[in-house]
Amino acid sequence: MTNKDISNVFSLLSKLMDIHDENSFKSKSYANAAFQIDRLPKELSELPRPDIAFQKGVGESVAKKIIELLDTGQLAQLNELIQKTPEGVRDLLNIKGIGPKKISTIWKELGVESPGELLYACNENRLIHHKGFGAKSQHSIKEALEFYFSNQERYLYAAIEPIAKQLEQFFKRLFSEDWVYITGAFRRQCDIIDELEFLILSPVEMIMEALSANEHFSLDREEDDVLHYKFQEAIHLTIYCCNEENLSQLLFFTSGTSDFNDAFDTQFPTIDYNSERSGDDQFFEAAGIQYIAPCLREEPSVIELAKAHAIPALIEVADIKGIIHNHSTWSDGHYSIEEMAKACIEKGYEYLVMSDHSVTSYYANGLSVERIRQQQEEIDRLNDTLYPFKIFKSIECDILGDGRLDYEDDVLASFDLVITSIHQNLKMTEEKAMMRLMGAITNPHTRILGHPTGRLLLSRKEYPIDHAKIIDACKAHNVVIEINANPRRLDLDWRWIRYAVKQGVMLSINPDAHSIDGIDDVRYGVLSAQKGMMTAKDNLSSLSLHEFEMFLKSR
């Protein structure tokens, strides 16, 4: 059991105690334990049992429960609360904007026991009659519920990728190395995956027989040569059964969107798709056009570029030379600057841009002016030690409600690079959001606009902005736009990357790393950038150390 698992248990225990109006002091202590345990550098499961109580935020009482968890995999107190709490009420904890206290009111005073019932209650305007709720909060809850229901059984690419790879290897062992192909939205590198799709060169009956005894696969339905399964009762799985003659054709048509496929078929009606298997690149060759990578097979317009052989060489992970936008223990990161820098060196990068939170982000231990000076002194010392690797002084500076930045000009001028982002008061009209973003873009200290829409995929909708105006303004003011590579953000969205590239705006694939593992998130940013038809020359973090230093001096 990992620290993350233990933290989740204490977090749930605290929330359920609040729902049942149990001892608030203990509830808060368990919530604090959950927070601290998640940040511990060592796994509690690897420590001697007597040492657990001496870890930060633990203590003897919490340590006893941790040992119970490690020894039994369960917590008796939590099990009792779960038994007393309807499953639908527990599901309400997944709805943004509804805390345990409000859930208690919703359940005990309204008799609501599921997200579906709560949405109905909102539509009936029932919440506004209860203490703690008003028309505005009812509207926000209704929006959150609608968003929740629109995202059931959907997965982030990064979350489902290991499962997709495991299934691919499982099918290859079960059938043959050369008989299995992954296709669909996963092959197109979509940021959200609704189902995993595979081609298997095998008859329907053989596949059904091979999977019939496996408890992880449940057959939903069979349609001609297509099998629909549920994997582990959660993930939708579609298997296309094919033969030698139609494999390439199926691989082609299941890899593209219907709009792309229809356009291709219309423009090249004489192509014979019934050919021996040799991949789907043969059809582009037969059409006399440039090969279109699966990640680009979203929209028909790419076909015109392929006709002109104008699709550029897409950016690759190997093109990333430096890691921009990172957090350390100076704010809310898990590792010191030195640890982050040494990890970058081990991974082969040339530089690190350290961008901890600014002072208004008090919840993230944002840096005061005095702490900025102390951090910059530490970076100077580390640069002497780690040469020729270089750490750049940066900040992720909050964009305030009126469009101003979080520090005075003299403080902002002390950084090598300023990233500006919105973190608070995210519920805005487009007019308000644009005012704040334009205030940052036009500030001469802003070099990178961070995660421009504030979205969290499958969790939080983006605030509305006029993307074209923002991109054009960044071009006019020489501001780089971040592609935040955290797989929950992927912000700027790939659909607008193409427009930014066309306008000649520099972009930057940044991991927004809060840990050493987070550095590797640049890969997901690259996958998204590839969908945006981006090249290495369009990417700031692809500059070498010398080129990056010249970039910083150019303004």
Protein backbone atom coordinates (compact mmCIF):
# COMPACT_ATOMS: atom_id res chain seq x y z
CA MET A 1 0.00 0.00 0.00
CA THR A 2 1.54 3.31 -1.13
CA ASN A 3 1.46 6.64 0.70
CA LYS A 4 -1.02 7.82 -1.92
CA ASP A 5 -3.33 4.91 -1.08
CA ILE A 6 -3.06 5.62 2.66
CA SER A 7 -3.66 9.32 2.07
CA ASN A 8 -6.81 8.56 0.08
CA VAL A 9 -8.13 6.37 2.91
CA PHE A 10 -7.70 9.14 5.52
CA SER A 11 -9.17 11.72 3.16
CA LEU A 12 -12.29 9.59 2.65
CA LEU A 13 -12.51 8.86 6.39
CA SER A 14 -12.44 12.59 7.16
CA LYS A 15 -15.14 13.38 4.58
CA LEU A 16 -17.47 10.61 5.72
CA MET A 17 -17.07 11.70 9.34
CA ASP A 18 -18.15 15.21 8.31
CA ILE A 19 -21.13 13.83 6.40
CA HIS A 20 -22.22 11.98 9.55
CA ASP A 21 -21.49 15.00 11.80
CA GLU A 22 -18.95 13.06 13.85
CA ASN A 23 -16.11 14.51 15.93
CA SER A 24 -14.92 17.53 13.92
CA PHE A 25 -11.55 17.69 15.69
CA LYS A 26 -10.70 14.12 14.68
CA SER A 27 -12.06 14.69 11.18
CA LYS A 28 -9.73 17.66 10.70
CA SER A 29 -6.79 15.69 12.09
CA TYR A 30 -7.41 12.89 9.59
CA ALA A 31 -7.69 15.42 6.74
CA ASN A 32 -4.37 16.92 7.79
CA ALA A 33 -2.83 13.45 8.02
CA ALA A 34 -4.02 12.72 4.48
CA PHE A 35 -2.35 15.92 3.24
CA GLN A 36 0.95 15.28 5.05
CA ILE A 37 1.20 11.56 4.22
CA ASP A 38 0.81 12.28 0.51
CA ARG A 39 3.86 14.56 0.70
CA LEU A 40 6.16 12.27 2.69
CA PRO A 41 9.40 11.46 0.82
CA LYS A 42 9.54 7.83 2.06
CA GLU A 43 6.92 5.10 1.71
CA LEU A 44 5.42 4.31 5.11
CA SER A 45 5.16 0.64 4.15
CA GLU A 46 8.97 0.48 4.00
CA LEU A 47 9.53 1.94 7.47
CA PRO A 48 9.84 -0.04 10.71
CA ARG A 49 6.45 0.08 12.43
CA PRO A 50 7.71 2.05 15.48
CA ASP A 51 9.05 4.82 13.20
CA ILE A 52 5.70 5.56 11.55
CA ALA A 53 4.39 7.66 14.45
CA PHE A 54 7.39 10.02 14.17
CA GLN A 55 6.72 11.00 10.56
CA LYS A 56 5.49 14.53 9.89
CA GLY A 57 1.74 14.87 10.40
CA VAL A 58 1.26 11.34 11.75
CA GLY A 59 1.46 10.85 15.55
CA GLU A 60 0.51 7.81 17.60
CA SER A 61 -3.24 7.76 16.97
CA VAL A 62 -2.91 8.03 13.18
CA ALA A 63 0.04 5.62 13.22
CA LYS A 64 -2.14 2.89 14.76
CA LYS A 65 -4.60 3.24 11.90
CA ILE A 66 -1.80 3.24 9.33
CA ILE A 67 -0.42 -0.01 10.80
CA GLU A 68 -3.94 -1.46 10.70
CA LEU A 69 -4.12 -0.53 7.04
CA LEU A 70 -0.70 -1.97 6.24
CA ASP A 71 -1.41 -5.20 8.11
CA THR A 72 -4.99 -5.83 6.95
CA GLY A 73 -5.51 -3.63 3.89
CA GLN A 74 -8.60 -2.20 5.64
CA LEU A 75 -9.65 0.31 8.26
CA ALA A 76 -12.49 -0.85 10.53
CA GLN A 77 -13.70 2.68 11.30
CA LEU A 78 -13.89 3.53 7.60
CA ASN A 79 -15.71 0.28 6.80
CA GLU A 80 -18.35 1.14 9.42
CA LEU A 81 -18.91 4.57 7.90
CA ILE A 82 -19.09 3.16 4.38
CA GLN A 83 -21.73 0.68 5.54
CA LYS A 84 -23.78 3.55 6.97
CA THR A 85 -23.47 5.69 3.82
CA PRO A 86 -25.46 4.92 0.65
CA GLU A 87 -23.24 4.42 -2.38
CA GLY A 88 -24.95 7.30 -4.19
CA VAL A 89 -24.18 9.65 -1.30
CA ARG A 90 -20.53 8.66 -1.52
CA ASP A 91 -20.70 9.39 -5.26
CA LEU A 92 -21.63 12.98 -4.40
CA LEU A 93 -18.07 13.43 -3.12
CA ASN A 94 -17.00 13.27 -6.79
CA ILE A 95 -19.03 16.38 -7.65
CA LYS A 96 -16.97 19.57 -7.75
CA GLY A 97 -18.18 22.31 -5.43
CA ILE A 98 -20.08 20.10 -2.96
CA GLY A 99 -18.27 19.54 0.31
CA PRO A 100 -19.14 16.97 2.99
CA LYS A 101 -21.20 19.45 5.05
CA LYS A 102 -23.42 20.31 2.08
CA ILE A 103 -23.71 16.63 1.20
CA SER A 104 -24.94 16.02 4.75
CA THR A 105 -27.67 18.63 4.26
CA ILE A 106 -28.58 17.32 0.80
CA TRP A 107 -28.89 13.78 2.11
CA LYS A 108 -30.53 14.34 5.48
CA GLU A 109 -32.79 17.29 4.71
CA LEU A 110 -33.67 16.74 1.06
CA GLY A 111 -33.58 12.94 1.09
CA VAL A 112 -31.29 12.95 -1.95
CA GLU A 113 -29.07 9.87 -2.18
CA SER A 114 -27.43 10.03 -5.61
CA PRO A 115 -26.09 12.49 -8.20
CA GLY A 116 -29.10 11.74 -10.42
CA GLU A 117 -31.54 12.63 -7.67
CA LEU A 118 -29.61 15.80 -6.92
CA LEU A 119 -29.76 16.93 -10.55
CA TYR A 120 -33.49 16.36 -10.50
CA ALA A 121 -33.73 18.40 -7.27
CA CYS A 122 -31.79 21.24 -8.94
CA ASN A 123 -34.12 21.18 -11.93
CA GLU A 124 -37.00 21.38 -9.48
CA ASN A 125 -35.38 24.42 -7.80
CA ARG A 126 -35.42 22.67 -4.43
CA LEU A 127 -31.96 23.51 -3.08
CA ILE A 128 -32.52 27.24 -2.64
CA HIS A 129 -34.91 26.64 0.25
CA HIS A 130 -32.25 25.13 2.47
CA LYS A 131 -29.62 26.83 4.61
CA GLY A 132 -26.28 27.21 2.88
CA PHE A 133 -27.73 27.18 -0.62
CA GLY A 134 -28.93 29.92 -2.91
CA ALA A 135 -29.85 30.36 -6.54
CA LYS A 136 -26.20 30.89 -7.49
CA SER A 137 -24.89 27.83 -5.66
CA GLN A 138 -27.75 25.71 -7.00
CA HIS A 139 -26.84 26.77 -10.54
CA SER A 140 -23.15 25.94 -9.96
CA ILE A 141 -24.05 22.51 -8.55
CA LYS A 142 -26.33 21.84 -11.52
CA GLU A 143 -23.51 22.70 -13.94
CA ALA A 144 -21.08 20.48 -12.03
CA LEU A 145 -23.55 17.59 -12.11
CA GLU A 146 -24.15 17.96 -15.84
CA PHE A 147 -20.40 17.96 -16.41
CA TYR A 148 -20.04 14.90 -14.16
CA PHE A 149 -22.65 12.93 -16.12
CA SER A 150 -21.13 13.93 -19.44
CA ASN A 151 -17.80 12.39 -18.41
CA GLN A 152 -18.69 8.97 -17.08
CA GLU A 153 -16.58 6.05 -18.30
CA ARG A 154 -14.14 8.41 -19.98
CA TYR A 155 -10.40 8.39 -19.36
CA LEU A 156 -7.40 10.65 -19.71
CA TYR A 157 -4.96 9.33 -22.32
CA ALA A 158 -2.26 9.11 -19.66
CA ALA A 159 -4.52 7.18 -17.29
CA ILE A 160 -5.58 4.56 -19.80
CA GLU A 161 -2.26 4.25 -21.66
CA PRO A 162 -0.76 1.58 -19.36
CA ILE A 163 -3.97 -0.45 -19.60
CA ALA A 164 -3.96 -0.13 -23.40
CA LYS A 165 -0.36 -1.33 -23.57
CA GLN A 166 -1.02 -4.22 -21.20
CA LEU A 167 -4.03 -5.32 -23.25
CA GLU A 168 -2.02 -5.07 -26.44
CA GLN A 169 0.66 -7.36 -25.00
CA PHE A 170 -1.98 -9.70 -23.57
CA PHE A 171 -3.67 -10.08 -26.96
CA LYS A 172 -0.33 -10.60 -28.67
CA ARG A 173 0.52 -13.42 -26.27
CA LEU A 174 -2.95 -14.89 -26.64
CA PHE A 175 -3.04 -14.80 -30.43
CA SER A 176 0.16 -13.72 -32.20
CA GLU A 177 2.66 -10.88 -32.17
CA ASP A 178 1.75 -10.01 -35.76
CA TRP A 179 -2.02 -10.39 -35.40
CA VAL A 180 -2.82 -7.50 -33.05
CA TYR A 181 -3.06 -3.75 -33.76
CA ILE A 182 -4.28 -0.94 -31.52
CA THR A 183 -6.44 1.59 -33.33
CA GLY A 184 -9.14 4.23 -32.85
CA ALA A 185 -8.89 7.33 -30.66
CA PHE A 186 -5.90 5.93 -28.78
CA ARG A 187 -3.93 5.60 -32.02
CA ARG A 188 -4.89 9.20 -32.82
CA GLN A 189 -3.42 10.29 -29.45
CA CYS A 190 -6.68 11.88 -28.28
CA ASP A 191 -6.50 13.47 -24.84
CA ILE A 192 -9.77 11.79 -23.75
CA ILE A 193 -10.45 8.13 -24.52
CA ASP A 194 -13.98 6.69 -24.43
CA GLU A 195 -13.06 3.19 -25.55
CA LEU A 196 -10.05 1.11 -26.50
CA GLU A 197 -10.13 -0.38 -29.98
CA PHE A 198 -8.12 -3.31 -31.32
CA LEU A 199 -7.80 -5.18 -34.61
CA ILE A 200 -7.17 -8.89 -34.19
CA LEU A 201 -6.44 -11.11 -37.16
CA SER A 202 -8.63 -13.99 -36.04
CA PRO A 203 -12.20 -15.30 -36.52
CA VAL A 204 -14.92 -14.07 -34.17
CA GLU A 205 -15.45 -17.51 -32.68
CA MET A 206 -11.78 -17.95 -31.79
CA ILE A 207 -11.61 -14.60 -30.01
CA MET A 208 -14.85 -15.20 -28.11
CA GLU A 209 -13.66 -18.62 -27.00
CA ALA A 210 -10.27 -17.31 -25.92
CA LEU A 211 -11.84 -14.58 -23.76
CA SER A 212 -14.85 -16.51 -22.46
CA ALA A 213 -13.03 -17.95 -19.45
CA ASN A 214 -11.35 -14.68 -18.48
CA GLU A 215 -13.24 -12.95 -15.66
CA HIS A 216 -11.92 -9.53 -16.66
CA PHE A 217 -13.80 -9.54 -19.97
CA SER A 218 -17.60 -9.41 -20.18
CA LEU A 219 -19.21 -9.50 -23.63
CA ASP A 220 -21.76 -6.75 -24.21
CA ARG A 221 -22.75 -7.56 -27.75
CA GLU A 222 -21.61 -8.96 -31.09
CA GLU A 223 -22.19 -7.07 -34.34
CA ASP A 224 -21.09 -8.91 -37.47
CA ASP A 225 -17.30 -9.09 -37.06
CA VAL A 226 -17.13 -6.59 -34.20
CA LEU A 227 -17.10 -7.60 -30.53
CA HIS A 228 -17.95 -5.16 -27.74
CA TYR A 229 -16.60 -5.99 -24.30
CA LYS A 230 -16.39 -4.39 -20.88
CA PHE A 231 -12.92 -4.82 -19.40
CA GLN A 232 -12.84 -5.01 -15.61
CA GLU A 233 -16.46 -3.82 -15.60
CA ALA A 234 -15.36 -0.31 -16.51
CA ILE A 235 -13.51 0.14 -19.79
CA HIS A 236 -15.32 -0.16 -23.10
CA LEU A 237 -13.40 -2.40 -25.44
CA THR A 238 -14.09 -2.87 -29.15
CA ILE A 239 -12.40 -5.68 -31.07
CA TYR A 240 -12.54 -5.76 -34.87
CA CYS A 241 -12.10 -9.30 -36.14
CA CYS A 242 -10.34 -9.33 -39.50
CA ASN A 243 -8.51 -11.47 -42.04
CA GLU A 244 -5.43 -10.99 -44.24
CA GLU A 245 -7.46 -9.28 -46.98
CA ASN A 246 -9.25 -6.61 -44.96
CA LEU A 247 -6.81 -5.90 -42.11
CA SER A 248 -5.13 -2.90 -43.77
CA GLN A 249 -8.48 -1.45 -44.79
CA LEU A 250 -9.88 -1.80 -41.27
CA LEU A 251 -6.72 -0.32 -39.76
CA PHE A 252 -7.06 2.69 -42.04
CA PHE A 253 -10.76 3.36 -41.47
CA THR A 254 -10.73 2.73 -37.71
CA SER A 255 -7.77 5.08 -37.25
CA GLY A 256 -9.39 8.19 -38.72
CA THR A 257 -12.49 10.14 -37.76
CA SER A 258 -15.57 9.70 -39.93
CA ASP A 259 -15.04 13.22 -41.35
CA PHE A 260 -11.48 12.39 -42.36
CA ASN A 261 -12.40 8.99 -43.79
CA ASP A 262 -15.33 10.34 -45.80
CA ALA A 263 -13.20 13.12 -47.26
CA PHE A 264 -10.39 10.73 -48.20
CA ASP A 265 -12.79 8.24 -49.78
CA THR A 266 -14.52 11.00 -51.75
CA GLN A 267 -11.30 12.50 -53.07
CA PHE A 268 -9.70 9.15 -53.97
CA PRO A 269 -12.60 6.92 -55.08
CA THR A 270 -10.50 4.54 -57.19
CA ILE A 271 -8.30 3.21 -54.36
CA ASP A 272 -8.58 -0.54 -53.88
CA TYR A 273 -8.67 -1.21 -50.15
CA ASN A 274 -8.85 -4.98 -50.54
CA SER A 275 -5.17 -5.75 -50.49
CA GLU A 276 -2.78 -7.98 -48.57
CA ARG A 277 -1.86 -6.54 -45.21
CA SER A 278 1.11 -4.20 -45.27
CA GLY A 279 -0.06 -1.35 -43.05
CA ASP A 280 -2.23 1.58 -43.99
CA ASP A 281 0.56 3.76 -45.42
CA GLN A 282 0.03 2.04 -48.78
CA PHE A 283 -3.26 3.90 -49.31
CA PHE A 284 -1.57 7.30 -49.08
CA GLU A 285 1.05 6.09 -51.53
CA ALA A 286 -1.69 4.87 -53.87
CA ALA A 287 -3.35 8.30 -53.63
CA GLY A 288 -0.06 9.98 -54.50
CA ILE A 289 -0.03 12.10 -51.38
CA GLN A 290 2.16 12.48 -48.32
CA TYR A 291 1.67 9.99 -45.49
CA ILE A 292 -0.67 11.35 -42.81
CA ALA A 293 0.21 10.15 -39.32
CA PRO A 294 -2.74 8.76 -37.32
CA CYS A 295 -2.58 11.65 -34.85
CA LEU A 296 -3.45 14.04 -37.69
CA ARG A 297 -6.42 12.09 -39.05
CA GLU A 298 -9.01 14.28 -37.36
CA GLU A 299 -10.07 16.82 -39.95
CA PRO A 300 -10.34 16.71 -43.78
CA SER A 301 -8.19 19.85 -44.17
CA VAL A 302 -5.00 17.87 -43.52
CA ILE A 303 -5.55 16.03 -46.82
CA GLU A 304 -4.91 19.25 -48.74
CA LEU A 305 -1.58 19.65 -46.96
CA ALA A 306 -0.71 16.04 -47.78
CA LYS A 307 -1.48 16.68 -51.45
CA ALA A 308 1.04 19.52 -51.41
CA HIS A 309 3.50 17.43 -49.37
CA ALA A 310 3.39 20.26 -46.84
CA ILE A 311 3.01 18.32 -43.58
CA PRO A 312 6.11 19.18 -41.54
CA ALA A 313 8.23 16.82 -39.47
CA LEU A 314 6.37 16.69 -36.16
CA ILE A 315 8.06 17.43 -32.86
CA GLU A 316 9.40 14.44 -30.90
CA VAL A 317 10.20 13.97 -27.22
CA ALA A 318 13.90 13.86 -28.13
CA ASP A 319 13.57 17.47 -29.34
CA ILE A 320 12.99 18.75 -25.79
CA LYS A 321 16.25 20.26 -24.52
CA GLY A 322 15.14 22.02 -21.33
CA ILE A 323 12.44 21.64 -18.68
CA ILE A 324 10.47 24.85 -18.25
CA HIS A 325 7.88 25.50 -15.50
CA ASN A 326 8.62 23.46 -12.40
CA HIS A 327 7.81 23.67 -8.69
CA SER A 328 10.05 22.83 -5.75
CA THR A 329 9.70 22.59 -1.99
CA TRP A 330 9.95 26.38 -1.96
CA SER A 331 6.22 26.35 -2.84
CA ASP A 332 4.13 23.19 -3.36
CA GLY A 333 6.62 20.87 -5.05
CA HIS A 334 7.77 17.55 -3.58
CA TYR A 335 11.52 17.93 -4.21
CA SER A 336 14.22 20.53 -3.69
CA ILE A 337 15.62 22.59 -6.55
CA GLU A 338 18.84 20.60 -6.39
CA GLU A 339 16.96 17.29 -6.60
CA MET A 340 14.92 18.52 -9.57
CA ALA A 341 18.06 19.78 -11.30
CA LYS A 342 19.99 16.55 -10.80
CA ALA A 343 17.02 14.57 -12.12
CA CYS A 344 17.05 16.73 -15.26
CA ILE A 345 20.77 16.13 -15.67
CA GLU A 346 20.26 12.37 -15.37
CA LYS A 347 17.52 12.56 -18.01
CA GLY A 348 19.84 14.37 -20.41
CA TYR A 349 18.38 17.89 -20.31
CA GLU A 350 20.52 21.02 -20.57
CA TYR A 351 18.63 23.40 -18.28
CA LEU A 352 15.81 23.78 -15.76
CA VAL A 353 13.47 26.75 -15.36
CA MET A 354 12.31 26.87 -11.74
CA SER A 355 8.91 28.57 -11.52
CA ASP A 356 7.46 28.33 -8.03
CA HIS A 357 4.14 29.96 -7.10
CA SER A 358 3.78 33.65 -6.33
CA VAL A 359 2.63 35.17 -3.07
CA THR A 360 -1.13 35.29 -3.75
CA SER A 361 -1.16 31.50 -4.06
CA TYR A 362 -0.99 31.26 -0.26
CA TYR A 363 -2.52 27.76 -0.38
CA ALA A 364 0.54 26.65 -2.37
CA ASN A 365 3.07 28.38 -0.08
CA GLY A 366 3.65 31.15 -2.62
CA LEU A 367 6.90 33.11 -2.35
CA SER A 368 7.15 36.41 -0.51
CA VAL A 369 9.64 38.96 -1.80
CA GLU A 370 12.13 37.99 0.91
CA ARG A 371 11.83 34.28 0.05
CA ILE A 372 12.34 35.09 -3.64
CA ARG A 373 15.71 36.64 -2.79
CA GLN A 374 16.64 33.59 -0.72
CA GLN A 375 15.65 31.21 -3.49
CA GLN A 376 17.59 33.14 -6.10
CA GLU A 377 20.69 33.01 -3.89
CA GLU A 378 20.28 29.24 -3.68
CA ILE A 379 19.99 29.00 -7.47
CA ASP A 380 23.22 31.01 -7.87
CA ARG A 381 25.02 28.58 -5.57
CA LEU A 382 23.62 25.55 -7.40
CA ASN A 383 24.62 26.97 -10.79
CA ASP A 384 28.22 27.23 -9.58
CA THR A 385 28.07 23.58 -8.49
CA LEU A 386 26.16 22.05 -11.41
CA TYR A 387 27.86 23.88 -14.31
CA PRO A 388 27.50 23.49 -17.33
CA PHE A 389 23.89 22.61 -16.49
CA LYS A 390 21.95 25.78 -15.70
CA ILE A 391 18.95 26.63 -13.52
CA PHE A 392 17.00 29.74 -14.52
CA LYS A 393 15.19 31.97 -12.04
CA SER A 394 11.51 32.12 -12.80
CA ILE A 395 8.12 32.46 -11.12
CA GLU A 396 4.60 31.33 -11.95
CA CYS A 397 3.04 34.69 -11.21
CA ASP A 398 -0.68 34.89 -10.47
CA ILE A 399 -2.81 37.05 -12.73
CA LEU A 400 -4.98 38.95 -10.28
CA GLY A 401 -8.68 39.74 -10.65
CA ASP A 402 -8.04 43.07 -12.33
CA GLY A 403 -5.37 41.78 -14.73
CA ARG A 404 -2.40 42.99 -12.69
CA LEU A 405 0.46 40.68 -11.75
CA ASP A 406 1.31 39.53 -8.25
CA TYR A 407 4.52 41.57 -7.73
CA GLU A 408 5.81 45.05 -8.40
CA ASP A 409 7.96 45.68 -11.49
CA ASP A 410 11.27 45.65 -9.62
CA VAL A 411 10.56 42.16 -8.26
CA LEU A 412 9.43 40.82 -11.64
CA ALA A 413 12.58 42.25 -13.21
CA SER A 414 14.71 40.07 -10.93
CA PHE A 415 13.65 36.89 -12.74
CA ASP A 416 15.13 35.45 -15.91
CA LEU A 417 11.64 34.48 -17.00
CA VAL A 418 8.09 35.22 -15.79
CA ILE A 419 5.22 32.79 -16.44
CA THR A 420 1.79 34.30 -15.76
CA SER A 421 -1.25 32.15 -14.93
CA ILE A 422 -4.75 32.40 -13.50
CA HIS A 423 -5.27 30.20 -10.44
CA GLN A 424 -8.11 31.76 -8.46
CA ASN A 425 -11.65 33.00 -9.15
CA LEU A 426 -11.96 30.79 -12.22
CA LYS A 427 -15.71 31.20 -12.63
CA MET A 428 -15.70 34.11 -15.05
CA THR A 429 -17.49 35.50 -18.04
CA GLU A 430 -15.49 35.65 -21.25
CA GLU A 431 -15.22 39.42 -20.82
CA LYS A 432 -13.68 39.03 -17.36
CA ALA A 433 -11.32 36.24 -18.43
CA MET A 434 -10.15 38.21 -21.47
CA MET A 435 -9.55 41.32 -19.36
CA ARG A 436 -7.34 39.37 -16.96
CA LEU A 437 -5.41 37.52 -19.68
CA MET A 438 -4.89 40.63 -21.79
CA GLY A 439 -3.62 42.46 -18.70
CA ALA A 440 -0.93 39.79 -18.32
CA ILE A 441 -0.08 39.55 -22.02
CA THR A 442 0.45 43.30 -22.33
CA ASN A 443 2.61 43.43 -19.21
CA PRO A 444 6.22 43.76 -20.44
CA HIS A 445 7.48 41.26 -17.84
CA THR A 446 5.35 38.35 -19.12
CA ARG A 447 7.36 35.92 -21.25
CA ILE A 448 5.06 32.88 -21.12
CA LEU A 449 1.28 32.71 -20.70
CA GLY A 450 0.64 29.63 -18.55
CA HIS A 451 -2.23 27.15 -19.07
CA PRO A 452 -4.39 29.79 -20.77
CA THR A 453 -7.88 28.33 -20.17
CA GLY A 454 -7.45 26.86 -16.66
CA ARG A 455 -9.12 23.62 -17.66
CA LEU A 456 -8.73 20.29 -15.88
CA LEU A 457 -9.78 17.53 -18.25
CA LEU A 458 -12.77 15.53 -16.98
CA SER A 459 -12.80 17.65 -13.82
CA ARG A 460 -13.13 21.36 -14.52
CA LYS A 461 -14.40 23.17 -17.59
CA GLU A 462 -12.21 25.87 -19.09
CA TYR A 463 -13.20 29.47 -18.52
CA PRO A 464 -14.42 31.00 -21.79
CA ILE A 465 -11.89 32.94 -23.85
CA ASP A 466 -11.55 34.16 -27.42
CA HIS A 467 -8.64 31.91 -28.41
CA ALA A 468 -7.86 33.73 -31.65
CA LYS A 469 -7.64 37.12 -29.93
CA ILE A 470 -5.41 35.74 -27.18
CA ILE A 471 -3.08 34.08 -29.69
CA ASP A 472 -2.94 37.21 -31.83
CA ALA A 473 -2.18 39.34 -28.76
CA CYS A 474 0.65 37.01 -27.76
CA LYS A 475 2.06 37.39 -31.26
CA ALA A 476 1.87 41.19 -31.04
CA HIS A 477 3.53 41.31 -27.60
CA ASN A 478 6.10 38.55 -28.19
CA VAL A 479 4.61 36.31 -25.48
CA VAL A 480 5.08 32.55 -25.63
CA ILE A 481 2.00 30.37 -25.02
CA GLU A 482 2.39 27.36 -22.80
CA ILE A 483 1.27 23.88 -23.75
CA ASN A 484 0.91 22.64 -20.20
CA ALA A 485 1.89 18.99 -20.52
CA ASN A 486 0.24 17.82 -17.32
CA PRO A 487 -2.12 15.17 -18.76
CA ARG A 488 -5.00 16.68 -16.77
CA ARG A 489 -4.48 20.04 -18.47
CA LEU A 490 -2.99 19.77 -21.98
CA ASP A 491 -3.69 23.46 -22.21
CA LEU A 492 -3.36 25.05 -24.88
CA ASP A 493 -5.68 22.57 -26.62
CA TRP A 494 -4.25 20.95 -29.76
CA ARG A 495 -7.04 22.43 -31.90
CA TRP A 496 -5.63 25.89 -31.25
CA ILE A 497 -2.00 24.88 -31.52
CA ARG A 498 -2.39 24.78 -35.29
CA TYR A 499 -3.68 28.34 -35.33
CA ALA A 500 -0.85 29.55 -33.08
CA VAL A 501 1.76 27.88 -35.31
CA LYS A 502 0.15 29.41 -38.39
CA GLN A 503 0.30 32.86 -36.75
CA GLY A 504 3.99 32.38 -35.96
CA VAL A 505 3.52 32.35 -32.17
CA MET A 506 6.18 30.53 -30.17
CA LEU A 507 4.78 27.76 -27.96
CA SER A 508 6.43 25.96 -25.06
CA ILE A 509 5.80 22.37 -23.96
CA ASN A 510 6.16 22.58 -20.18
CA PRO A 511 5.50 19.81 -17.64
CA ASP A 512 4.36 22.05 -14.75
CA ALA A 513 6.24 19.44 -12.73
CA HIS A 514 5.67 19.25 -8.98
CA SER A 515 7.83 16.13 -8.67
CA ILE A 516 10.66 14.32 -10.43
CA ASP A 517 8.19 11.95 -12.08
CA GLY A 518 6.26 14.99 -13.32
CA ILE A 519 9.21 15.99 -15.53
CA ASP A 520 8.34 13.09 -17.82
CA ASP A 521 4.91 14.59 -18.50
CA VAL A 522 6.54 16.52 -21.34
CA ARG A 523 5.78 13.40 -23.38
CA TYR A 524 2.04 14.01 -23.15
CA GLY A 525 2.57 17.60 -24.20
CA VAL A 526 4.49 16.34 -27.23
CA LEU A 527 1.67 13.95 -28.17
CA SER A 528 -0.80 16.83 -28.01
CA ALA A 529 1.58 19.11 -29.94
CA GLN A 530 1.88 16.48 -32.67
CA LYS A 531 -1.88 16.61 -33.11
CA GLY A 532 -1.46 20.36 -33.48
CA MET A 533 1.08 19.77 -36.28
CA MET A 534 3.82 21.45 -34.32
CA THR A 535 7.53 21.20 -35.09
CA ALA A 536 10.59 21.52 -32.89
CA LYS A 537 11.27 25.01 -34.22
CA ASP A 538 7.88 26.15 -32.88
CA ASN A 539 8.77 25.06 -29.34
CA LEU A 540 10.67 27.16 -26.82
CA SER A 541 11.79 24.19 -24.71
CA SER A 542 13.45 22.70 -27.80
CA LEU A 543 16.05 25.48 -27.77
CA SER A 544 19.53 24.47 -26.65
CA LEU A 545 20.93 26.13 -23.55
CA HIS A 546 22.82 28.68 -25.65
CA GLU A 547 19.77 29.38 -27.83
CA PHE A 548 17.56 29.73 -24.73
CA GLU A 549 19.97 32.25 -23.21
CA MET A 550 19.90 34.22 -26.46
CA PHE A 551 16.10 34.12 -26.39
CA LEU A 552 16.05 35.59 -22.89
CA LYS A 553 18.45 38.36 -23.92
CA SER A 554 16.45 39.20 -27.05
CA ARG A 555 13.87 41.30 -25.16
